[in-house]
Protein backbone atom coordinates (compact mmCIF):
# COMPACT_ATOMS: atom_id res chain seq x y z
CA MET A 1 -105.54 4.23 -2.74
CA LYS A 2 -107.18 7.14 -5.14
CA ILE A 3 -109.79 5.16 -5.97
CA ILE A 4 -111.21 4.84 -2.37
CA PHE A 5 -110.86 8.37 -1.75
CA ALA A 6 -113.10 8.96 -4.71
CA ILE A 7 -115.51 6.65 -4.00
CA VAL A 8 -116.21 7.83 -0.36
CA PRO A 9 -117.67 11.00 -1.41
CA ILE A 10 -119.77 9.57 -4.10
CA LEU A 11 -121.17 7.31 -1.24
CA PHE A 12 -121.48 10.32 0.84
CA LEU A 13 -123.33 12.06 -1.87
CA TYR A 14 -125.98 9.17 -2.45
CA TYR A 15 -126.48 9.01 1.31
CA MET A 16 -127.29 12.89 1.13
CA SER A 17 -129.40 12.59 -1.74
CA THR A 18 -131.46 9.76 -0.26
CA PHE A 19 -131.89 12.10 2.47
CA ALA A 20 -132.82 14.95 0.46
CA ALA A 21 -135.37 13.18 -1.51
CA HIS A 22 -136.75 12.05 1.91
CA ASN A 23 -137.05 15.73 2.56
CA TRP A 24 -138.63 16.84 -0.48
CA ARG A 25 -141.46 14.14 -0.34
CA ARG A 26 -142.09 15.46 3.50
CA ARG A 27 -142.97 19.22 1.88
CA ASN A 28 -139.49 20.64 3.47
CA LYS A 29 -138.10 21.34 0.13
CA LEU A 30 -136.01 24.33 1.07
CA ALA A 31 -134.10 21.66 3.54
CA ALA A 32 -133.90 19.32 0.59
CA VAL A 33 -131.93 21.99 -1.80
CA GLY A 34 -129.69 23.19 0.85
CA ILE A 35 -128.74 19.53 1.87
CA VAL A 36 -128.18 18.78 -2.16
CA LEU A 37 -125.95 22.05 -2.18
CA ILE A 38 -123.90 20.86 0.65
CA ALA A 39 -123.47 17.53 -0.57
CA LEU A 40 -122.42 18.26 -4.07
CA SER A 41 -119.52 20.43 -2.50
CA ALA A 42 -118.69 18.50 -0.25
CA ALA A 43 -118.53 15.24 -2.80
CA VAL A 44 -116.81 17.15 -5.81
CA LEU A 45 -114.13 19.07 -3.87
CA PRO A 46 -112.25 15.92 -2.72
CA ILE A 47 -112.21 14.51 -6.32
CA ILE A 48 -111.04 17.88 -7.57
CA LEU A 49 -108.29 17.97 -5.17
CA ILE A 50 -106.99 14.26 -5.58
CA PHE A 51 -107.35 13.88 -9.73
CA LEU A 52 -106.65 17.83 -10.35
CA GLY A 53 -104.30 18.62 -7.56
């Protein structure tokens, strides 16, 4: 069950990174950086809580 909860944030991170890449190509660099920061924090926090908590 832990592996499912670890895979979902990684898939979310992949989805958000493709969205950030789309914004980067559209010259919307500030939005791309914000998306990457939000996605990293949203993807890493559950993994830390599951495996270290």
